[in-house]
Protein backbone atom coordinates (compact mmCIF):
# COMPACT_ATOMS: atom_id res chain seq x y z
CA MET A 1 -1.15 -11.16 -13.02
CA ALA A 2 0.59 -7.75 -13.09
CA ILE A 3 2.53 -6.46 -10.00
CA ARG A 4 0.17 -3.44 -8.78
CA VAL A 5 2.34 -0.43 -7.66
CA VAL A 6 1.80 2.95 -6.17
CA VAL A 7 4.28 5.77 -6.29
CA ALA A 8 4.69 8.21 -3.92
CA ASP A 9 7.30 11.34 -4.28
CA ASP A 10 6.48 14.89 -3.68
CA GLN A 11 8.55 15.80 -6.74
CA GLU A 12 6.15 15.47 -9.75
CA LEU A 13 8.98 15.01 -12.27
CA VAL A 14 10.53 12.27 -10.39
CA ARG A 15 7.26 10.47 -9.64
CA SER A 16 5.97 10.74 -13.15
CA GLY A 17 9.27 9.46 -14.31
CA PHE A 18 9.29 6.31 -12.21
CA ALA A 19 5.59 5.79 -12.87
CA MET A 20 6.26 5.95 -16.70
CA ILE A 21 9.39 3.52 -16.42
CA LEU A 22 7.32 0.99 -14.40
CA ASP A 23 3.98 1.33 -16.42
CA ALA A 24 5.97 0.46 -19.45
CA GLN A 25 6.71 -3.12 -18.23
CA PRO A 26 4.36 -6.00 -19.26
CA ASP A 27 4.02 -7.39 -15.79
CA ILE A 28 3.81 -4.06 -13.80
CA GLU A 29 0.96 -1.79 -13.41
CA VAL A 30 1.04 1.68 -11.65
CA VAL A 31 -2.25 2.15 -10.03
CA GLY A 32 -1.89 5.49 -8.19
CA GLU A 33 0.41 8.25 -7.72
CA ALA A 34 0.82 10.25 -4.33
CA GLY A 35 2.43 13.67 -3.48
CA ASP A 36 3.01 12.99 0.30
CA GLY A 37 3.09 10.09 2.74
CA ALA A 38 -0.49 10.61 4.14
CA ALA A 39 -1.95 10.43 0.47
CA ALA A 40 0.29 7.34 0.03
CA VAL A 41 -1.20 5.66 3.14
CA ALA A 42 -4.84 6.55 1.81
CA LEU A 43 -4.09 5.22 -1.61
CA THR A 44 -2.68 2.06 -0.16
CA ARG A 45 -5.82 1.44 1.79
CA SER A 46 -8.18 2.02 -1.10
CA LEU A 47 -6.14 0.14 -3.78
CA SER A 48 -4.07 -2.52 -2.06
CA PRO A 49 -1.06 -2.40 -4.35
CA ASP A 50 1.71 -5.03 -4.02
CA VAL A 51 4.32 -2.61 -3.80
CA VAL A 52 4.48 1.05 -2.59
CA LEU A 53 7.42 3.07 -3.97
CA LEU A 54 8.13 5.73 -1.04
CA ASP A 55 10.24 8.83 -0.87
CA VAL A 56 11.87 9.29 2.48
CA ARG A 57 11.47 12.98 2.59
CA MET A 58 7.84 14.17 1.86
CA PRO A 59 5.48 16.80 3.18
CA VAL A 60 2.37 16.28 5.30
CA MET A 61 3.77 12.81 6.40
CA ASP A 62 7.19 11.54 5.56
CA GLY A 63 8.03 8.11 4.06
CA ILE A 64 9.23 6.64 7.42
CA GLU A 65 5.94 7.29 9.24
CA ALA A 66 3.84 6.19 5.86
CA ALA A 67 6.03 2.85 5.74
CA ARG A 68 5.07 1.96 9.48
CA GLN A 69 1.32 2.80 8.82
CA ILE A 70 1.25 0.74 5.58
CA THR A 71 3.20 -2.30 7.06
CA ALA A 72 1.31 -2.20 10.12
CA GLU A 73 -1.99 -2.92 8.22
CA GLY A 74 -0.16 -5.50 6.18
CA GLY A 75 -0.26 -6.66 2.66
CA SER A 76 1.74 -4.14 0.66
CA ARG A 77 5.31 -4.20 0.73
CA ILE A 78 7.58 -1.03 0.72
CA LEU A 79 10.51 0.13 -1.33
CA MET A 80 12.13 3.25 -0.11
CA LEU A 81 13.69 5.90 -2.23
CA THR A 82 15.96 8.50 -1.26
CA THR A 83 18.66 11.00 -2.78
CA PHE A 84 21.02 10.17 0.11
CA ASP A 85 23.71 7.25 0.10
CA VAL A 86 24.53 6.81 3.77
CA ASP A 87 21.56 8.22 5.50
CA GLU A 88 20.27 7.73 9.13
CA TYR A 89 16.72 7.76 7.47
CA VAL A 90 17.53 4.14 5.89
CA TYR A 91 17.90 2.63 9.46
CA ASP A 92 14.62 3.99 10.37
CA ALA A 93 12.95 2.88 7.01
CA LEU A 94 14.04 -0.57 7.36
CA TYR A 95 12.84 -0.86 10.86
CA ALA A 96 9.54 0.55 9.85
CA GLY A 97 9.05 -2.57 7.58
CA ALA A 98 10.58 -1.48 4.26
CA SER A 99 11.69 -4.54 2.24
CA GLY A 100 14.16 -2.43 0.15
CA PHE A 101 15.99 0.84 -0.42
CA LEU A 102 17.11 2.55 -3.76
CA LEU A 103 18.84 5.80 -4.39
CA LYS A 104 16.98 8.14 -6.70
CA ASP A 105 19.53 7.98 -9.40
CA VAL A 106 18.99 4.29 -9.75
CA ARG A 107 19.26 2.86 -13.23
CA ARG A 108 15.90 1.94 -15.24
CA ASP A 109 16.70 -1.54 -15.12
CA ASP A 110 17.52 -1.72 -11.44
CA LEU A 111 14.41 0.02 -10.61
CA VAL A 112 12.24 -2.61 -12.37
CA HIS A 113 14.25 -5.31 -10.99
CA ALA A 114 13.84 -3.89 -7.24
CA VAL A 115 10.00 -3.74 -7.73
CA ARG A 116 9.78 -7.33 -8.91
CA VAL A 117 12.07 -8.76 -6.14
CA VAL A 118 9.90 -6.95 -3.37
CA ALA A 119 6.83 -7.99 -4.90
CA ALA A 120 7.90 -11.65 -5.02
CA GLY A 121 8.34 -11.53 -1.29
CA ASP A 122 12.08 -11.18 -1.11
CA SER A 123 14.03 -8.09 -0.07
CA LEU A 124 16.59 -5.88 -1.69
CA LEU A 125 20.08 -5.76 -0.17
CA ALA A 126 21.85 -3.27 -2.39
CA PRO A 127 25.30 -4.08 -2.05
CA SER A 128 26.47 -0.55 -2.14
CA VAL A 129 24.13 0.86 0.31
CA THR A 130 22.06 -1.26 2.57
CA ARG A 131 24.49 -3.89 3.89
CA ARG A 132 27.01 -1.43 4.73
CA LEU A 133 24.57 0.87 6.39
CA ILE A 134 23.22 -1.87 8.42
CA ALA A 135 26.61 -2.57 9.75
CA ASP A 136 27.55 0.78 10.31
CA VAL A 137 24.33 2.02 12.00
CA THR A 138 23.78 -1.22 14.26
CA SER A 139 27.46 -0.60 15.43
CA ARG A 140 26.64 2.78 16.72
CA ARG A 141 23.00 2.66 17.66
CA PRO A 142 21.55 0.71 20.41
CA ALA A 143 18.56 -1.47 19.61
CA ARG A 144 15.08 -0.02 20.72
CA ALA A 145 12.07 -1.68 21.90
CA GLY A 146 10.15 -3.17 19.23
CA ASP A 147 13.00 -3.22 16.88
CA PRO A 148 13.73 -6.85 15.35
CA GLY A 149 16.95 -6.86 16.93
CA ALA A 150 15.71 -5.89 20.49
CA ALA A 151 14.91 -9.40 21.51
CA PRO A 152 17.55 -11.30 23.41
CA SER A 153 20.34 -13.11 21.46
CA ALA A 154 19.09 -16.15 23.13
CA ARG A 155 16.88 -16.37 20.15
CA LEU A 156 19.38 -17.60 18.04
CA ASP A 157 19.12 -20.76 20.15
CA ALA A 158 16.03 -21.66 18.02
CA LEU A 159 18.17 -22.05 14.85
CA THR A 160 20.00 -25.19 14.07
CA PRO A 161 23.67 -24.95 13.39
CA ARG A 162 23.03 -24.85 9.68
CA GLU A 163 20.61 -22.24 9.80
CA ARG A 164 23.06 -20.16 11.96
CA GLU A 165 25.63 -20.69 9.34
CA THR A 166 22.91 -19.61 6.66
CA LEU A 167 22.00 -16.35 8.67
CA LEU A 168 25.93 -15.57 8.97
CA LEU A 169 26.29 -15.71 5.48
CA MET A 170 23.50 -13.68 4.70
CA ALA A 171 24.36 -11.06 7.06
CA ARG A 172 27.89 -10.87 5.20
CA GLY A 173 26.05 -10.06 1.92
CA ALA A 174 26.16 -13.72 0.18
CA SER A 175 23.28 -14.39 -2.19
CA ASN A 176 21.34 -17.61 -2.24
CA ALA A 177 23.61 -19.03 -4.84
CA GLU A 178 26.75 -18.12 -2.83
CA ILE A 179 25.38 -19.68 0.34
CA ALA A 180 24.63 -22.73 -1.54
CA ALA A 181 28.10 -23.04 -3.05
CA ARG A 182 29.75 -22.30 0.41
CA LEU A 183 27.58 -24.84 2.29
CA PHE A 184 27.66 -27.55 -0.43
CA VAL A 185 23.82 -27.62 -0.72
CA SER A 186 21.33 -26.72 -3.29
CA GLU A 187 19.70 -23.18 -3.54
CA HIS A 188 16.37 -24.90 -2.75
CA THR A 189 17.76 -26.01 0.55
CA VAL A 190 19.16 -22.55 1.21
CA LYS A 191 15.70 -21.10 0.52
CA THR A 192 14.23 -23.51 2.94
CA HIS A 193 16.89 -22.44 5.62
CA VAL A 194 15.98 -18.76 5.11
CA SER A 195 12.26 -19.49 5.39
CA ASN A 196 12.95 -21.44 8.63
CA ILE A 197 14.95 -18.60 10.09
CA LEU A 198 12.43 -16.03 9.49
CA MET A 199 9.72 -18.06 10.85
CA LYS A 200 11.73 -19.07 13.85
CA LEU A 201 12.97 -15.50 14.75
CA GLY A 202 9.61 -13.80 13.86
CA LEU A 203 11.08 -11.69 11.22
CA ARG A 204 9.58 -10.04 8.05
CA ASP A 205 12.10 -10.62 5.40
CA ARG A 206 15.79 -11.18 4.54
CA VAL A 207 16.65 -7.52 5.35
CA HIS A 208 15.32 -7.82 8.97
CA ALA A 209 17.24 -11.19 9.22
CA VAL A 210 20.44 -9.35 8.43
CA ILE A 211 19.61 -6.60 10.96
CA PHE A 212 18.82 -9.02 13.59
CA ALA A 213 22.19 -10.85 12.93
CA TYR A 214 24.08 -7.66 13.64
CA ASP A 215 21.94 -6.49 16.52
CA SER A 216 22.06 -10.03 18.25
CA GLY A 217 25.88 -10.14 18.15
CA LEU A 218 26.08 -13.01 15.62
CA VAL A 219 27.90 -10.78 13.25
CA THR A 220 30.16 -7.82 14.26
CA PRO A 221 30.37 -4.90 12.07
CA SER A 222 33.77 -4.58 10.21
CA PRO A 223 35.79 -1.42 11.22
CA GLU A 224 35.26 0.02 7.90
CA GLY A 225 31.47 -0.25 8.03
């Protein structure tokens, strides 16, 4: 069954370009396009897509608020787009429930890959953007009520020693394959650990597990961010 996508961007050429790229894939179907956040929320409610591609900056309602409303209602997963690399908006987007983050100059293949990853229930940790930003922003900005990391670090006590090791390696940017090699276990075992971590900590996905690792103090951001 095809991955159903809604594309939201206030720039028509950008929006139609992304839609054309995605619609050309045999396993992806663009079911709707929106020029602002409010329209994206309305389309998502009526079409129930698997993935919503949201520009951060849009008129009427920005992508952050649209992401909050869409994730609050459940179902669709959010992939954020922006023209900015290190951007405070990304922090807000992740806490609003986004499962991935891409720059608008993303390569065609990376865009398609990102949609597939997010649709599969995983999250997109772009090495050049997301991990660095999470480390940088969480080191400067205190956790807020309602954030995944706002809960006491005592929540880490719910994890087994091996699950804590897995979370630590995730937060340092290791893939499942790299974690498996480091811990001398199979990738299937790592996936089980990740699932257990998310369930025990009450987190949405891998991105939010990484945020939690920084906010709880399990991982300390490096000086270079």
